[in-house]
Structure formats: C-alpha cells, structure tokens
C-alpha atoms as a PDB file:
ATOM      1  CA  MET A   1      -7.801   2.078   0.200  1.00  0.00           C
ATOM      2  CA  THR A   2      -4.490   0.517  -0.916  1.00  0.00           C
ATOM      3  CA  LEU A   3      -3.362  -2.974  -0.038  1.00  0.00           C
ATOM      4  CA  VAL A   4      -0.639  -1.545   2.163  1.00  0.00           C
ATOM      5  CA  GLU A   5      -3.233   0.501   4.126  1.00  0.00           C
ATOM      6  CA  ARG A   6      -5.424  -2.597   4.576  1.00  0.00           C
ATOM      7  CA  TYR A   7      -2.510  -4.640   5.803  1.00  0.00           C
ATOM      8  CA  ALA A   8      -1.508  -1.844   8.144  1.00  0.00           C
ATOM      9  CA  GLN A   9      -4.990  -1.948   9.685  1.00  0.00           C
ATOM     10  CA  VAL A  10      -4.673  -5.680  10.156  1.00  0.00           C
ATOM     11  CA  ALA A  11      -1.188  -5.275  11.649  1.00  0.00           C
ATOM     12  CA  ALA A  12      -2.593  -3.024  14.315  1.00  0.00           C
ATOM     13  CA  LEU A  13      -4.917  -5.778  15.400  1.00  0.00           C
ATOM     14  CA  VAL A  14      -2.810  -8.935  15.308  1.00  0.00           C
ATOM     15  CA  ASP A  15       0.579 -10.191  16.573  1.00  0.00           C
ATOM     16  CA  THR A  16       3.596  -9.598  14.333  1.00  0.00           C
ATOM     17  CA  THR A  17       4.137 -13.292  13.788  1.00  0.00           C
ATOM     18  CA  GLN A  18       0.524 -13.705  12.703  1.00  0.00           C
ATOM     19  CA  LEU A  19       0.913 -10.849  10.224  1.00  0.00           C
ATOM     20  CA  VAL A  20       4.090 -12.303   8.786  1.00  0.00           C
ATOM     21  CA  ALA A  21       2.480 -15.706   8.429  1.00  0.00           C
ATOM     22  CA  TYR A  22      -0.552 -14.181   6.714  1.00  0.00           C
ATOM     23  CA  LEU A  23       1.578 -12.111   4.338  1.00  0.00           C
ATOM     24  CA  THR A  24       3.629 -15.223   3.493  1.00  0.00           C
ATOM     25  CA  HIS A  25       0.477 -17.247   2.870  1.00  0.00           C
ATOM     26  CA  ARG A  26      -0.883 -14.526   0.571  1.00  0.00           C
ATOM     27  CA  ARG A  27       2.532 -14.157  -1.106  1.00  0.00           C
ATOM     28  CA  HIS A  28       2.672 -10.440  -0.129  1.00  0.00           C
ATOM     29  CA  LEU A  29       5.689 -10.655   2.207  1.00  0.00           C
ATOM     30  CA  SER A  30       7.516  -8.132  -0.063  1.00  0.00           C
ATOM     31  CA  LEU A  31       4.937  -5.491   1.107  1.00  0.00           C
ATOM     32  CA  LEU A  32       6.186  -5.749   4.737  1.00  0.00           C
ATOM     33  CA  PRO A  33       8.719  -2.834   4.538  1.00  0.00           C
ATOM     34  CA  LYS A  34       6.004  -0.601   2.983  1.00  0.00           C
ATOM     35  CA  ILE A  35       3.552  -1.563   5.712  1.00  0.00           C
ATOM     36  CA  VAL A  36       6.089  -0.708   8.422  1.00  0.00           C
ATOM     37  CA  ARG A  37       6.901   2.663   6.810  1.00  0.00           C
ATOM     38  CA  TYR A  38       3.178   3.416   6.445  1.00  0.00           C
ATOM     39  CA  MET A  39       2.529   2.576  10.111  1.00  0.00           C
ATOM     40  CA  GLU A  40       5.512   4.683  11.255  1.00  0.00           C
ATOM     41  CA  ARG A  41       4.263   7.661   9.303  1.00  0.00           C
ATOM     42  CA  ARG A  42       0.772   7.274  10.652  1.00  0.00           C
ATOM     43  CA  SER A  43       1.946   6.951  14.264  1.00  0.00           C
ATOM     44  CA  SER A  44       4.325   9.899  14.019  1.00  0.00           C
ATOM     45  CA  PRO A  45       2.589  12.680  16.016  1.00  0.00           C
ATOM     46  CA  HIS A  46       5.013  15.476  15.120  1.00  0.00           C
ATOM     47  CA  GLU A  47       6.013  17.380  12.045  1.00  0.00           C
ATOM     48  CA  VAL A  48       9.359  16.996  10.328  1.00  0.00           C
ATOM     49  CA  VAL A  49      10.798  19.690   8.071  1.00  0.00           C
ATOM     50  CA  VAL A  50      13.843  18.866   5.864  1.00  0.00           C
ATOM     51  CA  VAL A  51      16.011  21.750   4.670  1.00  0.00           C
ATOM     52  CA  ALA A  52      19.068  21.825   2.442  1.00  0.00           C
ATOM     53  CA  ARG A  53      21.507  23.909   4.543  1.00  0.00           C
ATOM     54  CA  GLU A  54      22.212  24.331   8.188  1.00  0.00           C
ATOM     55  CA  HIS A  55      21.547  28.125   8.153  1.00  0.00           C
ATOM     56  CA  ASP A  56      17.995  27.429   6.779  1.00  0.00           C
ATOM     57  CA  ARG A  57      17.210  25.678  10.018  1.00  0.00           C
ATOM     58  CA  ALA A  58      16.504  28.932  11.955  1.00  0.00           C
ATOM     59  CA  LYS A  59      14.200  30.238   9.206  1.00  0.00           C
ATOM     60  CA  MET A  60      12.169  27.063   9.225  1.00  0.00           C
ATOM     61  CA  HIS A  61      12.004  26.992  13.039  1.00  0.00           C
ATOM     62  CA  HIS A  62      10.119  30.313  12.884  1.00  0.00           C
ATOM     63  CA  LYS A  63       7.829  28.992  10.109  1.00  0.00           C
ATOM     64  CA  PHE A  64       7.225  25.606  11.749  1.00  0.00           C
ATOM     65  CA  PRO A  65       7.839  26.051  15.497  1.00  0.00           C
ATOM     66  CA  ALA A  66       6.621  22.622  16.580  1.00  0.00           C
ATOM     67  CA  ALA A  67       8.494  20.683  13.893  1.00  0.00           C
ATOM     68  CA  ALA A  68      11.766  18.758  14.104  1.00  0.00           C
ATOM     69  CA  ILE A  69      14.194  20.263  11.561  1.00  0.00           C
ATOM     70  CA  GLU A  70      16.496  17.983   9.612  1.00  0.00           C
ATOM     71  CA  VAL A  71      19.232  18.923   7.100  1.00  0.00           C
ATOM     72  CA  ASP A  72      19.607  17.063   3.790  1.00  0.00           C
ATOM     73  CA  PRO A  73      21.729  18.709   1.112  1.00  0.00           C
ATOM     74  CA  LYS A  74      20.267  16.452  -1.587  1.00  0.00           C
ATOM     75  CA  ILE A  75      17.117  18.616  -1.824  1.00  0.00           C
ATOM     76  CA  VAL A  76      19.355  21.511  -3.110  1.00  0.00           C
ATOM     77  CA  GLY A  77      17.133  24.268  -1.579  1.00  0.00           C
ATOM     78  CA  GLY A  78      13.674  24.955  -0.285  1.00  0.00           C
ATOM     79  CA  TYR A  79      12.055  22.536   2.139  1.00  0.00           C
ATOM     80  CA  ILE A  80       9.992  19.355   2.553  1.00  0.00           C
ATOM     81  CA  ALA A  81       7.443  19.328   5.374  1.00  0.00           C
ATOM     82  CA  ARG A  82       5.933  16.119   6.642  1.00  0.00           C
ATOM     83  CA  ALA A  83       3.068  15.905   9.155  1.00  0.00           C
ATOM     84  CA  GLY A  84       1.680  12.388   9.517  1.00  0.00           C
ATOM     85  CA  THR A  85       0.786  11.293   5.977  1.00  0.00           C
ATOM     86  CA  GLU A  86       0.724  14.790   4.512  1.00  0.00           C
ATOM     87  CA  VAL A  87       3.825  15.916   2.634  1.00  0.00           C
ATOM     88  CA  THR A  88       4.496  19.383   1.234  1.00  0.00           C
ATOM     89  CA  ASP A  89       7.486  19.266  -1.182  1.00  0.00           C
ATOM     90  CA  ALA A  90       8.732  22.796  -1.852  1.00  0.00           C
ATOM     91  CA  SER A  91      12.286  21.656  -2.625  1.00  0.00           C
ATOM     92  CA  TYR A  92      14.375  22.900  -5.479  1.00  0.00           C
ATOM     93  CA  ARG A  93      15.223  19.337  -6.352  1.00  0.00           C
ATOM     94  CA  ARG A  94      11.541  18.502  -7.059  1.00  0.00           C
ATOM     95  CA  ALA A  95      11.227  21.667  -9.140  1.00  0.00           C
ATOM     96  CA  LEU A  96      14.364  20.887 -11.116  1.00  0.00           C
ATOM     97  CA  VAL A  97      13.289  17.270 -11.791  1.00  0.00           C
ATOM     98  CA  GLN A  98       9.816  18.453 -12.857  1.00  0.00           C
ATOM     99  CA  LEU A  99      11.399  21.071 -15.183  1.00  0.00           C
ATOM    100  CA  TYR A 100      13.646  18.419 -16.704  1.00  0.00           C
ATOM    101  CA  HIS A 101      10.714  16.075 -17.323  1.00  0.00           C
ATOM    102  CA  ASN A 102       8.644  18.894 -18.856  1.00  0.00           C
ATOM    103  CA  THR A 103      11.383  19.941 -21.232  1.00  0.00           C
ATOM    104  CA  THR A 104      12.370  16.443 -22.387  1.00  0.00           C
ATOM    105  CA  LYS A 105       8.874  15.276 -23.356  1.00  0.00           C
END
C-alpha cells in the first residue's frame, strides 16, 4: 500500500482540517493533490472512455454503453477507458511513445 493510499484511508475517517494539520506535521502536505485525485478516482462509480475524435464517440458508446464518453485529440487515436482505479490505455499516443522509447534505447 502506498503512502497516498494510506493517507486516503485516513482522510475518509477524519475531518479535512485534521488531515491537513497531520500532513503538515508529517511534512507531507505536497501529497494532498495526489490524495484528492486518488479519492476521486476511488469514489467514481462510473466508467469514463476518452476518444480522439468526435465520430469515435458512437463506436465507443456501443462498446461501453454505461460509460461517459469524452473527446481528447491529444491521444491521437484509439481510446483510454477508466473504471474506478483500473485504466486501459489503448491510445495511439501511448503506442507511439512506447515505440519511440524502444527505438531510442
């Protein structure tokens, strides 16, 4: 279990001001944004699918009917599916970055 996960468990049990005071005392206040993001992902009950183009939205709606579909042209193509803490990255961007890293070693 990571430190962020442990603090997220504590955050669920204590008041926000108590958590901030504790993080300040432990000199871990810089972890607060990560803790918040972690808790948001954990509490998110639905799936989110990110696609590169608007016309891919209909295709992904058939593949992931219960998911919210978002468009982000930065992923170039493919999709990124998020459900809670699980992420499936089938984007072209990831594949291109991975190809670049493998060829420049």
